[in-house]
Amino acid sequence: MNGKATVVKNAGSHFLLSRLPEWEPFPAVLKGKVRLSGSDSTNPVAVGDVVEYEYSDTPSMTHPATIRSVSDRKNYLIRRSTNLSRQSHVIAANLDQAFLVVTLFFPEIKLPFLDRLLVTCEVYGIPATIVLNKVDIFRKEFPDELSNFHRIYESAGYRIIETSALTGEGIEELRTAVGTPEEGRICLFTGESGVGKSSIIKALDPSLDPKVGDISLAHLQGKHTTSLYEMYPVCSGGFLIDSPGLRGFGLVDLKKDEIALYFPEMLRELKNCRFTPCTHTHEPGCAVKQAVEEGRISAERYNSYLGMLEDDKKFRA
């Protein structure tokens, strides 16, 4: 028998599928070579992918379904793979929203890392919201830094949801942003290690455990387990994808003369540059540089842009 389902857990070569919006996960494996057209991704199947599968009996842990092909994606979040400069890794596919979880300190935020995530969301058409966690600490101890962060990213056009997994602040606003059961939205939660992403997920739905899933694939994985990407149904509606903490984020397939197009605040200005094309670095009559000087574009975001023009090695994951 054949069917279609969404990948809800990726554990290397073993997966869990569910026929969304129904939540009845069942196991599946890859057999043979499944490749995406024109892709050199290290993982041809990602959480969020809609796949075609087949099985001869009811799928079970001992008799999993077989994934035969991957349907076209409406979008995906991708980064340069660790230690593989010419290959890439798809974090998740078919997303309605990406929530980028950050903190100002503990761990200290790296603005170039966040900006690369935001640029990649812009490239692949994924609406992005910044979730600023641990705000109960920052409002008391670092009010100026908190205000400056809002200035940088709200002036660029991004929504910031302030949260505290400790006090519960902002969790209801975040829950509403994830969506209702009728919408059935698929949302990615991602960020650096230590920002409190797992705590936020548990605050959204206390029944969830982003570290230990309800269905285990441990006995199918062998000795070497793979970092898990997993989708969960949220009790208030929608689905969220939890990803392992990222240590870096390398841009993929983005030409230098295209980068400015994916900074919304730069895109608004560059049509007024005297020269076309303009690198926005040294040319006279550059509207982007003028906007930086006048404060309409933050110096921090502009510096991130300059870093992206240079060799990618510094920020490679």
C-alpha atoms as a PDB file:
ATOM      1  CA  MET A   1       0.000   0.000   0.000  1.00  0.00           C
ATOM      2  CA  ASN A   2       1.117   3.565  -0.681  1.00  0.00           C
ATOM      3  CA  GLY A   3       0.425   6.849   1.062  1.00  0.00           C
ATOM      4  CA  LYS A   4       1.618  10.366   1.914  1.00  0.00           C
ATOM      5  CA  ALA A   5       2.642  11.657   5.329  1.00  0.00           C
ATOM      6  CA  THR A   6       4.768  14.332   6.999  1.00  0.00           C
ATOM      7  CA  VAL A   7       8.133  13.599   8.606  1.00  0.00           C
ATOM      8  CA  VAL A   8       7.770  14.406  12.328  1.00  0.00           C
ATOM      9  CA  LYS A   9      11.058  12.980  13.615  1.00  0.00           C
ATOM     10  CA  ASN A  10      14.476  12.503  12.056  1.00  0.00           C
ATOM     11  CA  ALA A  11      16.894  10.127  13.751  1.00  0.00           C
ATOM     12  CA  GLY A  12      19.494   9.611  11.051  1.00  0.00           C
ATOM     13  CA  SER A  13      18.211   7.000   8.613  1.00  0.00           C
ATOM     14  CA  HIS A  14      15.103   6.308  10.720  1.00  0.00           C
ATOM     15  CA  PHE A  15      12.031   8.511  10.860  1.00  0.00           C
ATOM     16  CA  LEU A  16       8.575   8.923  12.305  1.00  0.00           C
ATOM     17  CA  LEU A  17       5.777   9.970   9.955  1.00  0.00           C
ATOM     18  CA  SER A  18       2.248  11.212  10.609  1.00  0.00           C
ATOM     19  CA  ARG A  19      -0.641  12.047   8.299  1.00  0.00           C
ATOM     20  CA  LEU A  20      -1.105  15.618   9.493  1.00  0.00           C
ATOM     21  CA  PRO A  21      -3.285  17.092  10.850  1.00  0.00           C
ATOM     22  CA  GLU A  22      -3.862  13.655  12.410  1.00  0.00           C
ATOM     23  CA  TRP A  23      -1.268  12.830  15.036  1.00  0.00           C
ATOM     24  CA  GLU A  24      -0.599   9.105  14.820  1.00  0.00           C
ATOM     25  CA  PRO A  25       3.183   8.731  14.301  1.00  0.00           C
ATOM     26  CA  PHE A  26       4.501   5.545  12.743  1.00  0.00           C
ATOM     27  CA  PRO A  27       8.071   4.478  11.881  1.00  0.00           C
ATOM     28  CA  ALA A  28       9.688   4.597   8.470  1.00  0.00           C
ATOM     29  CA  VAL A  29      13.120   4.032   6.959  1.00  0.00           C
ATOM     30  CA  LEU A  30      14.967   5.103   3.845  1.00  0.00           C
ATOM     31  CA  LYS A  31      15.850   2.414   1.362  1.00  0.00           C
ATOM     32  CA  GLY A  32      17.965   3.078  -1.682  1.00  0.00           C
ATOM     33  CA  LYS A  33      19.020   6.587  -2.681  1.00  0.00           C
ATOM     34  CA  VAL A  34      16.519   9.369  -2.139  1.00  0.00           C
ATOM     35  CA  ARG A  35      17.822  12.616  -3.560  1.00  0.00           C
ATOM     36  CA  LEU A  36      16.314  16.010  -4.257  1.00  0.00           C
ATOM     37  CA  SER A  37      16.777  17.479  -7.701  1.00  0.00           C
ATOM     38  CA  GLY A  38      19.762  19.824  -7.780  1.00  0.00           C
ATOM     39  CA  SER A  39      20.501  19.381  -4.063  1.00  0.00           C
ATOM     40  CA  ASP A  40      23.766  18.464  -2.348  1.00  0.00           C
ATOM     41  CA  SER A  41      22.189  18.363   1.094  1.00  0.00           C
ATOM     42  CA  THR A  42      23.577  15.886   3.596  1.00  0.00           C
ATOM     43  CA  ASN A  43      19.997  15.023   4.612  1.00  0.00           C
ATOM     44  CA  PRO A  44      17.658  14.525   1.656  1.00  0.00           C
ATOM     45  CA  VAL A  45      14.730  14.031   4.054  1.00  0.00           C
ATOM     46  CA  ALA A  46      14.030  16.610   6.780  1.00  0.00           C
ATOM     47  CA  VAL A  47      11.393  17.109   9.460  1.00  0.00           C
ATOM     48  CA  GLY A  48       8.428  18.826   7.841  1.00  0.00           C
ATOM     49  CA  ASP A  49       8.911  17.101   4.491  1.00  0.00           C
ATOM     50  CA  VAL A  50       5.876  15.476   2.914  1.00  0.00           C
ATOM     51  CA  VAL A  51       6.971  12.058   1.675  1.00  0.00           C
ATOM     52  CA  GLU A  52       5.493   9.188  -0.265  1.00  0.00           C
ATOM     53  CA  TYR A  53       5.810   5.879   1.538  1.00  0.00           C
ATOM     54  CA  GLU A  54       4.811   2.293   1.042  1.00  0.00           C
ATOM     55  CA  TYR A  55       4.219  -0.665   3.324  1.00  0.00           C
ATOM     56  CA  SER A  56       2.919  -4.199   3.028  1.00  0.00           C
ATOM     57  CA  ASP A  57       1.362  -4.354   6.492  1.00  0.00           C
ATOM     58  CA  THR A  58       0.528  -2.002   9.375  1.00  0.00           C
ATOM     59  CA  PRO A  59       3.761  -0.084  10.118  1.00  0.00           C
ATOM     60  CA  SER A  60       5.444  -0.972  13.407  1.00  0.00           C
ATOM     61  CA  MET A  61       8.879  -0.625  14.978  1.00  0.00           C
ATOM     62  CA  THR A  62       9.816  -4.059  13.636  1.00  0.00           C
ATOM     63  CA  HIS A  63       8.147  -3.511  10.242  1.00  0.00           C
ATOM     64  CA  PRO A  64       8.540   0.194   9.350  1.00  0.00           C
ATOM     65  CA  ALA A  65       7.185   1.820   6.218  1.00  0.00           C
ATOM     66  CA  THR A  66       9.608   2.669   3.416  1.00  0.00           C
ATOM     67  CA  ILE A  67      10.091   6.250   2.213  1.00  0.00           C
ATOM     68  CA  ARG A  68      10.223   6.305  -1.573  1.00  0.00           C
ATOM     69  CA  SER A  69      10.227  10.003  -2.512  1.00  0.00           C
ATOM     70  CA  VAL A  70      10.006  13.543  -1.171  1.00  0.00           C
ATOM     71  CA  SER A  71       7.354  15.979  -2.408  1.00  0.00           C
ATOM     72  CA  ASP A  72       8.311  19.466  -3.565  1.00  0.00           C
ATOM     73  CA  ARG A  73       8.885  21.846  -0.648  1.00  0.00           C
ATOM     74  CA  LYS A  74       7.187  25.213  -0.301  1.00  0.00           C
ATOM     75  CA  ASN A  75      10.232  26.403   1.660  1.00  0.00           C
ATOM     76  CA  TYR A  76      13.000  25.171   3.933  1.00  0.00           C
ATOM     77  CA  LEU A  77      15.673  26.455   6.311  1.00  0.00           C
ATOM     78  CA  ILE A  78      19.162  25.411   5.294  1.00  0.00           C
ATOM     79  CA  ARG A  79      22.694  26.048   6.523  1.00  0.00           C
ATOM     80  CA  ARG A  80      26.207  25.092   5.547  1.00  0.00           C
ATOM     81  CA  SER A  81      27.090  21.719   7.044  1.00  0.00           C
ATOM     82  CA  THR A  82      29.653  21.215   9.771  1.00  0.00           C
ATOM     83  CA  ASN A  83      33.130  20.588   8.299  1.00  0.00           C
ATOM     84  CA  LEU A  84      31.638  20.163   4.817  1.00  0.00           C
ATOM     85  CA  SER A  85      32.099  23.505   3.125  1.00  0.00           C
ATOM     86  CA  ARG A  86      30.480  22.417  -0.140  1.00  0.00           C
ATOM     87  CA  GLN A  87      27.526  20.634   1.406  1.00  0.00           C
ATOM     88  CA  SER A  88      24.481  21.845   3.256  1.00  0.00           C
ATOM     89  CA  HIS A  89      22.081  20.647   5.924  1.00  0.00           C
ATOM     90  CA  VAL A  90      18.328  21.217   5.816  1.00  0.00           C
ATOM     91  CA  ILE A  91      17.076  22.048   9.312  1.00  0.00           C
ATOM     92  CA  ALA A  92      13.346  21.798   8.528  1.00  0.00           C
ATOM     93  CA  ALA A  93      10.942  22.098   5.610  1.00  0.00           C
ATOM     94  CA  ASN A  94       7.464  23.446   4.786  1.00  0.00           C
ATOM     95  CA  LEU A  95       7.396  26.008   7.584  1.00  0.00           C
ATOM     96  CA  ASP A  96       4.672  28.540   8.318  1.00  0.00           C
ATOM     97  CA  GLN A  97       6.825  30.405  10.845  1.00  0.00           C
ATOM     98  CA  ALA A  98      10.314  30.364  12.342  1.00  0.00           C
ATOM     99  CA  PHE A  99      10.808  31.472  15.935  1.00  0.00           C
ATOM    100  CA  LEU A 100      14.451  32.426  16.483  1.00  0.00           C
ATOM    101  CA  VAL A 101      15.140  32.140  20.214  1.00  0.00           C
ATOM    102  CA  VAL A 102      17.904  34.390  21.546  1.00  0.00           C
ATOM    103  CA  THR A 103      19.166  35.928  24.780  1.00  0.00           C
ATOM    104  CA  LEU A 104      21.195  39.097  25.293  1.00  0.00           C
ATOM    105  CA  PHE A 105      23.504  37.343  27.757  1.00  0.00           C
ATOM    106  CA  PHE A 106      23.833  33.882  29.300  1.00  0.00           C
ATOM    107  CA  PRO A 107      24.819  33.055  26.565  1.00  0.00           C
ATOM    108  CA  GLU A 108      25.808  36.375  25.020  1.00  0.00           C
ATOM    109  CA  ILE A 109      24.092  37.016  21.726  1.00  0.00           C
ATOM    110  CA  LYS A 110      26.095  36.961  18.487  1.00  0.00           C
ATOM    111  CA  LEU A 111      24.368  39.402  16.168  1.00  0.00           C
ATOM    112  CA  PRO A 112      26.071  38.081  12.984  1.00  0.00           C
ATOM    113  CA  PHE A 113      24.684  34.613  13.818  1.00  0.00           C
ATOM    114  CA  LEU A 114      21.152  35.958  14.254  1.00  0.00           C
ATOM    115  CA  ASP A 115      21.431  38.056  11.102  1.00  0.00           C
ATOM    116  CA  ARG A 116      22.503  35.061   9.037  1.00  0.00           C
ATOM    117  CA  LEU A 117      19.485  33.158  10.297  1.00  0.00           C
ATOM    118  CA  LEU A 118      17.231  36.081   9.402  1.00  0.00           C
ATOM    119  CA  VAL A 119      18.758  36.459   5.946  1.00  0.00           C
ATOM    120  CA  THR A 120      18.255  32.753   5.244  1.00  0.00           C
ATOM    121  CA  CYS A 121      14.612  32.998   6.335  1.00  0.00           C
ATOM    122  CA  GLU A 122      14.194  35.908   3.916  1.00  0.00           C
ATOM    123  CA  VAL A 123      15.855  33.977   1.088  1.00  0.00           C
ATOM    124  CA  TYR A 124      13.551  30.971   1.439  1.00  0.00           C
ATOM    125  CA  GLY A 125      10.354  32.855   2.229  1.00  0.00           C
ATOM    126  CA  ILE A 126       9.967  31.853   5.876  1.00  0.00           C
ATOM    127  CA  PRO A 127       8.299  34.451   8.139  1.00  0.00           C
ATOM    128  CA  ALA A 128      10.616  34.988  11.117  1.00  0.00           C
ATOM    129  CA  THR A 129       9.878  36.191  14.649  1.00  0.00           C
ATOM    130  CA  ILE A 130      12.580  36.841  17.243  1.00  0.00           C
ATOM    131  CA  VAL A 131      11.885  35.379  20.685  1.00  0.00           C
ATOM    132  CA  LEU A 132      13.947  37.215  23.298  1.00  0.00           C
ATOM    133  CA  ASN A 133      14.086  34.894  26.311  1.00  0.00           C
ATOM    134  CA  LYS A 134      15.203  35.545  29.911  1.00  0.00           C
ATOM    135  CA  VAL A 135      13.813  39.072  29.640  1.00  0.00           C
ATOM    136  CA  ASP A 136      13.052  39.124  33.378  1.00  0.00           C
ATOM    137  CA  ILE A 137      16.815  39.338  33.937  1.00  0.00           C
ATOM    138  CA  PHE A 138      17.596  41.824  31.194  1.00  0.00           C
ATOM    139  CA  ARG A 139      14.871  44.317  32.090  1.00  0.00           C
ATOM    140  CA  LYS A 140      16.357  44.693  35.572  1.00  0.00           C
ATOM    141  CA  GLU A 141      20.065  44.325  34.875  1.00  0.00           C
ATOM    142  CA  PHE A 142      20.540  45.471  31.277  1.00  0.00           C
ATOM    143  CA  PRO A 143      17.737  47.916  30.332  1.00  0.00           C
ATOM    144  CA  ASP A 144      19.897  49.884  27.880  1.00  0.00           C
ATOM    145  CA  GLU A 145      21.011  46.756  26.039  1.00  0.00           C
ATOM    146  CA  LEU A 146      17.413  45.568  25.901  1.00  0.00           C
ATOM    147  CA  SER A 147      16.251  48.863  24.420  1.00  0.00           C
ATOM    148  CA  ASN A 148      19.082  48.832  21.880  1.00  0.00           C
ATOM    149  CA  PHE A 149      18.193  45.308  20.744  1.00  0.00           C
ATOM    150  CA  HIS A 150      14.608  46.384  20.094  1.00  0.00           C
ATOM    151  CA  ARG A 151      15.861  49.404  18.162  1.00  0.00           C
ATOM    152  CA  ILE A 152      18.066  47.300  15.896  1.00  0.00           C
ATOM    153  CA  TYR A 153      15.534  44.667  14.922  1.00  0.00           C
ATOM    154  CA  GLU A 154      12.215  46.458  15.110  1.00  0.00           C
ATOM    155  CA  SER A 155      13.604  49.193  12.834  1.00  0.00           C
ATOM    156  CA  ALA A 156      14.500  46.389  10.398  1.00  0.00           C
ATOM    157  CA  GLY A 157      10.870  45.248  10.498  1.00  0.00           C
ATOM    158  CA  TYR A 158      11.039  42.168  12.738  1.00  0.00           C
ATOM    159  CA  ARG A 159       8.609  41.287  15.494  1.00  0.00           C
ATOM    160  CA  ILE A 160      10.156  40.595  18.897  1.00  0.00           C
ATOM    161  CA  ILE A 161       8.296  38.590  21.526  1.00  0.00           C
ATOM    162  CA  GLU A 162       9.803  39.001  24.987  1.00  0.00           C
ATOM    163  CA  THR A 163       9.565  35.846  27.073  1.00  0.00           C
ATOM    164  CA  SER A 164      10.643  34.372  30.357  1.00  0.00           C
ATOM    165  CA  ALA A 165      10.322  30.635  30.759  1.00  0.00           C
ATOM    166  CA  LEU A 166      10.864  31.240  34.490  1.00  0.00           C
ATOM    167  CA  THR A 167       8.027  33.718  35.086  1.00  0.00           C
ATOM    168  CA  GLY A 168       5.782  32.775  32.155  1.00  0.00           C
ATOM    169  CA  GLU A 169       5.936  36.257  30.651  1.00  0.00           C
ATOM    170  CA  GLY A 170       5.165  36.302  26.939  1.00  0.00           C
ATOM    171  CA  ILE A 171       4.224  32.626  26.759  1.00  0.00           C
ATOM    172  CA  GLU A 172       0.561  33.329  25.982  1.00  0.00           C
ATOM    173  CA  GLU A 173       1.563  35.754  23.216  1.00  0.00           C
ATOM    174  CA  LEU A 174       3.888  33.107  21.815  1.00  0.00           C
ATOM    175  CA  ARG A 175       1.188  30.437  22.071  1.00  0.00           C
ATOM    176  CA  THR A 176      -1.168  32.648  20.071  1.00  0.00           C
ATOM    177  CA  ALA A 177       1.550  33.176  17.443  1.00  0.00           C
ATOM    178  CA  VAL A 178       1.970  29.410  17.011  1.00  0.00           C
ATOM    179  CA  GLY A 179      -1.676  29.271  15.964  1.00  0.00           C
ATOM    180  CA  THR A 180      -4.961  27.478  16.424  1.00  0.00           C
ATOM    181  CA  PRO A 181      -5.966  23.872  15.725  1.00  0.00           C
ATOM    182  CA  GLU A 182      -7.892  25.063  12.660  1.00  0.00           C
ATOM    183  CA  GLU A 183      -4.791  26.730  11.211  1.00  0.00           C
ATOM    184  CA  GLY A 184      -2.565  23.708  11.816  1.00  0.00           C
ATOM    185  CA  ARG A 185       0.556  25.829  11.401  1.00  0.00           C
ATOM    186  CA  ILE A 186       4.028  24.241  11.425  1.00  0.00           C
ATOM    187  CA  CYS A 187       6.520  26.383  13.342  1.00  0.00           C
ATOM    188  CA  LEU A 188      10.247  25.941  13.873  1.00  0.00           C
ATOM    189  CA  PHE A 189      11.949  26.835  17.159  1.00  0.00           C
ATOM    190  CA  THR A 190      15.678  27.248  16.751  1.00  0.00           C
ATOM    191  CA  GLY A 191      18.611  29.088  18.274  1.00  0.00           C
ATOM    192  CA  GLU A 192      21.967  28.691  19.933  1.00  0.00           C
ATOM    193  CA  SER A 193      22.507  26.237  22.775  1.00  0.00           C
ATOM    194  CA  GLY A 194      21.654  27.598  26.206  1.00  0.00           C
ATOM    195  CA  VAL A 195      19.056  30.185  25.215  1.00  0.00           C
ATOM    196  CA  GLY A 196      16.257  28.280  26.975  1.00  0.00           C
ATOM    197  CA  LYS A 197      14.479  26.945  23.894  1.00  0.00           C
ATOM    198  CA  SER A 198      13.479  23.668  25.539  1.00  0.00           C
ATOM    199  CA  SER A 199      12.155  25.507  28.592  1.00  0.00           C
ATOM    200  CA  ILE A 200      10.015  27.732  26.370  1.00  0.00           C
ATOM    201  CA  ILE A 201       8.591  24.706  24.572  1.00  0.00           C
ATOM    202  CA  LYS A 202       7.652  23.102  27.892  1.00  0.00           C
ATOM    203  CA  ALA A 203       6.078  26.384  29.023  1.00  0.00           C
ATOM    204  CA  LEU A 204       3.985  26.453  25.836  1.00  0.00           C
ATOM    205  CA  ASP A 205       2.735  22.939  26.523  1.00  0.00           C
ATOM    206  CA  PRO A 206       3.750  21.284  29.827  1.00  0.00           C
ATOM    207  CA  SER A 207       2.943  17.849  28.390  1.00  0.00           C
ATOM    208  CA  LEU A 208       5.820  18.133  25.935  1.00  0.00           C
ATOM    209  CA  ASP A 209       9.345  16.965  26.641  1.00  0.00           C
ATOM    210  CA  PRO A 210      11.641  18.252  23.894  1.00  0.00           C
ATOM    211  CA  LYS A 211      14.537  16.168  25.234  1.00  0.00           C
ATOM    212  CA  VAL A 212      12.765  12.804  25.426  1.00  0.00           C
ATOM    213  CA  GLY A 213      10.046  12.091  22.890  1.00  0.00           C
ATOM    214  CA  ASP A 214       6.970   9.967  23.548  1.00  0.00           C
ATOM    215  CA  ILE A 215       7.987   7.475  20.874  1.00  0.00           C
ATOM    216  CA  SER A 216      11.534   6.161  21.009  1.00  0.00           C
ATOM    217  CA  LEU A 217      13.597   5.097  18.030  1.00  0.00           C
ATOM    218  CA  ALA A 218      16.605   4.247  20.188  1.00  0.00           C
ATOM    219  CA  HIS A 219      16.709   0.554  19.355  1.00  0.00           C
ATOM    220  CA  LEU A 220      16.679   1.356  15.634  1.00  0.00           C
ATOM    221  CA  GLN A 221      19.513   3.850  15.728  1.00  0.00           C
ATOM    222  CA  GLY A 222      22.475   1.634  16.529  1.00  0.00           C
ATOM    223  CA  LYS A 223      25.393   2.764  18.656  1.00  0.00           C
ATOM    224  CA  HIS A 224      25.877   6.203  17.139  1.00  0.00           C
ATOM    225  CA  THR A 225      22.816   8.367  17.627  1.00  0.00           C
ATOM    226  CA  THR A 226      22.145  11.421  15.499  1.00  0.00           C
ATOM    227  CA  SER A 227      21.064  14.807  16.851  1.00  0.00           C
ATOM    228  CA  LEU A 228      17.293  14.689  16.731  1.00  0.00           C
ATOM    229  CA  TYR A 229      14.965  17.053  14.921  1.00  0.00           C
ATOM    230  CA  GLU A 230      11.423  16.486  16.080  1.00  0.00           C
ATOM    231  CA  MET A 231       7.914  17.860  15.619  1.00  0.00           C
ATOM    232  CA  TYR A 232       5.372  18.061  18.434  1.00  0.00           C
ATOM    233  CA  PRO A 233       1.639  18.835  18.470  1.00  0.00           C
ATOM    234  CA  VAL A 234       0.874  21.789  20.739  1.00  0.00           C
ATOM    235  CA  CYS A 235      -2.179  21.378  22.972  1.00  0.00           C
ATOM    236  CA  SER A 236      -3.455  24.857  22.050  1.00  0.00           C
ATOM    237  CA  GLY A 237      -3.075  24.188  18.327  1.00  0.00           C
ATOM    238  CA  GLY A 238      -0.458  23.858  15.626  1.00  0.00           C
ATOM    239  CA  PHE A 239       2.790  21.944  15.500  1.00  0.00           C
ATOM    240  CA  LEU A 240       6.288  22.964  16.512  1.00  0.00           C
ATOM    241  CA  ILE A 241       9.636  21.610  15.382  1.00  0.00           C
ATOM    242  CA  ASP A 242      12.445  21.519  17.912  1.00  0.00           C
ATOM    243  CA  SER A 243      15.986  21.580  16.573  1.00  0.00           C
ATOM    244  CA  PRO A 244      19.283  20.927  18.380  1.00  0.00           C
ATOM    245  CA  GLY A 245      21.106  24.041  19.541  1.00  0.00           C
ATOM    246  CA  LEU A 246      23.118  25.609  16.723  1.00  0.00           C
ATOM    247  CA  ARG A 247      26.767  26.611  17.129  1.00  0.00           C
ATOM    248  CA  GLY A 248      26.992  28.561  13.896  1.00  0.00           C
ATOM    249  CA  PHE A 249      25.202  29.281  10.672  1.00  0.00           C
ATOM    250  CA  GLY A 250      26.800  29.365   7.235  1.00  0.00           C
ATOM    251  CA  LEU A 251      24.971  30.881   4.270  1.00  0.00           C
ATOM    252  CA  VAL A 252      24.219  28.612   1.312  1.00  0.00           C
ATOM    253  CA  ASP A 253      23.941  29.481  -2.394  1.00  0.00           C
ATOM    254  CA  LEU A 254      23.766  33.235  -1.879  1.00  0.00           C
ATOM    255  CA  LYS A 255      25.798  35.472  -4.167  1.00  0.00           C
ATOM    256  CA  LYS A 256      27.464  38.515  -2.677  1.00  0.00           C
ATOM    257  CA  ASP A 257      25.507  40.937  -4.869  1.00  0.00           C
ATOM    258  CA  GLU A 258      22.242  39.380  -3.623  1.00  0.00           C
ATOM    259  CA  ILE A 259      22.829  39.648   0.118  1.00  0.00           C
ATOM    260  CA  ALA A 260      21.551  43.229   0.508  1.00  0.00           C
ATOM    261  CA  LEU A 261      18.230  42.194  -1.035  1.00  0.00           C
ATOM    262  CA  TYR A 262      17.501  40.101   2.050  1.00  0.00           C
ATOM    263  CA  PHE A 263      18.021  42.877   4.589  1.00  0.00           C
ATOM    264  CA  PRO A 264      14.523  44.454   4.566  1.00  0.00           C
ATOM    265  CA  GLU A 265      15.776  47.837   5.774  1.00  0.00           C
ATOM    266  CA  MET A 266      18.491  47.889   3.085  1.00  0.00           C
ATOM    267  CA  LEU A 267      16.053  46.814   0.392  1.00  0.00           C
ATOM    268  CA  ARG A 268      13.974  49.894   1.122  1.00  0.00           C
ATOM    269  CA  GLU A 269      16.964  52.159   0.452  1.00  0.00           C
ATOM    270  CA  LEU A 270      19.052  50.574  -2.283  1.00  0.00           C
ATOM    271  CA  LYS A 271      16.790  51.684  -5.147  1.00  0.00           C
ATOM    272  CA  ASN A 272      18.062  55.207  -4.459  1.00  0.00           C
ATOM    273  CA  CYS A 273      21.751  54.321  -4.869  1.00  0.00           C
ATOM    274  CA  ARG A 274      23.497  56.325  -7.575  1.00  0.00           C
ATOM    275  CA  PHE A 275      25.122  53.278  -9.142  1.00  0.00           C
ATOM    276  CA  THR A 276      23.623  49.911 -10.093  1.00  0.00           C
ATOM    277  CA  PRO A 277      24.852  47.441  -9.047  1.00  0.00           C
ATOM    278  CA  CYS A 278      26.113  48.898  -5.771  1.00  0.00           C
ATOM    279  CA  THR A 279      27.996  46.932  -3.121  1.00  0.00           C
ATOM    280  CA  HIS A 280      27.085  49.541  -0.471  1.00  0.00           C
ATOM    281  CA  THR A 281      30.686  49.621   0.707  1.00  0.00           C
ATOM    282  CA  HIS A 282      32.656  52.340  -1.105  1.00  0.00           C
ATOM    283  CA  GLU A 283      30.540  53.791  -3.917  1.00  0.00           C
ATOM    284  CA  PRO A 284      29.679  57.511  -3.859  1.00  0.00           C
ATOM    285  CA  GLY A 285      25.984  58.330  -3.679  1.00  0.00           C
ATOM    286  CA  CYS A 286      25.136  55.091  -1.866  1.00  0.00           C
ATOM    287  CA  ALA A 287      21.698  55.424  -0.264  1.00  0.00           C
ATOM    288  CA  VAL A 288      22.366  52.502   2.088  1.00  0.00           C
ATOM    289  CA  LYS A 289      25.508  54.075   3.548  1.00  0.00           C
ATOM    290  CA  GLN A 290      23.648  57.350   3.928  1.00  0.00           C
ATOM    291  CA  ALA A 291      20.835  55.560   5.781  1.00  0.00           C
ATOM    292  CA  VAL A 292      23.420  54.062   8.144  1.00  0.00           C
ATOM    293  CA  GLU A 293      24.889  57.501   8.809  1.00  0.00           C
ATOM    294  CA  GLU A 294      21.421  58.910   9.490  1.00  0.00           C
ATOM    295  CA  GLY A 295      20.427  55.999  11.749  1.00  0.00           C
ATOM    296  CA  ARG A 296      17.672  54.515   9.554  1.00  0.00           C
ATOM    297  CA  ILE A 297      19.796  51.369   9.235  1.00  0.00           C
ATOM    298  CA  SER A 298      21.579  50.228  12.377  1.00  0.00           C
ATOM    299  CA  ALA A 299      25.372  50.091  12.332  1.00  0.00           C
ATOM    300  CA  GLU A 300      25.140  46.598  13.850  1.00  0.00           C
ATOM    301  CA  ARG A 301      23.087  45.208  10.982  1.00  0.00           C
ATOM    302  CA  TYR A 302      25.285  46.972   8.422  1.00  0.00           C
ATOM    303  CA  ASN A 303      28.383  45.418  10.002  1.00  0.00           C
ATOM    304  CA  SER A 304      26.726  42.008   9.746  1.00  0.00           C
ATOM    305  CA  TYR A 305      26.163  42.684   6.069  1.00  0.00           C
ATOM    306  CA  LEU A 306      29.841  43.569   5.574  1.00  0.00           C
ATOM    307  CA  GLY A 307      30.815  40.326   7.322  1.00  0.00           C
ATOM    308  CA  MET A 308      28.635  38.330   4.934  1.00  0.00           C
ATOM    309  CA  LEU A 309      30.466  39.853   1.980  1.00  0.00           C
ATOM    310  CA  GLU A 310      33.692  38.354   3.275  1.00  0.00           C
ATOM    311  CA  ASP A 311      34.865  34.776   3.515  1.00  0.00           C
ATOM    312  CA  ASP A 312      32.209  32.542   5.095  1.00  0.00           C
ATOM    313  CA  LYS A 313      34.723  30.547   7.129  1.00  0.00           C
ATOM    314  CA  LYS A 314      34.479  32.719  10.232  1.00  0.00           C
ATOM    315  CA  PHE A 315      30.835  31.889  10.768  1.00  0.00           C
ATOM    316  CA  ARG A 316      30.780  28.337   9.447  1.00  0.00           C
ATOM    317  CA  ALA A 317      28.985  25.914  11.727  1.00  0.00           C
END
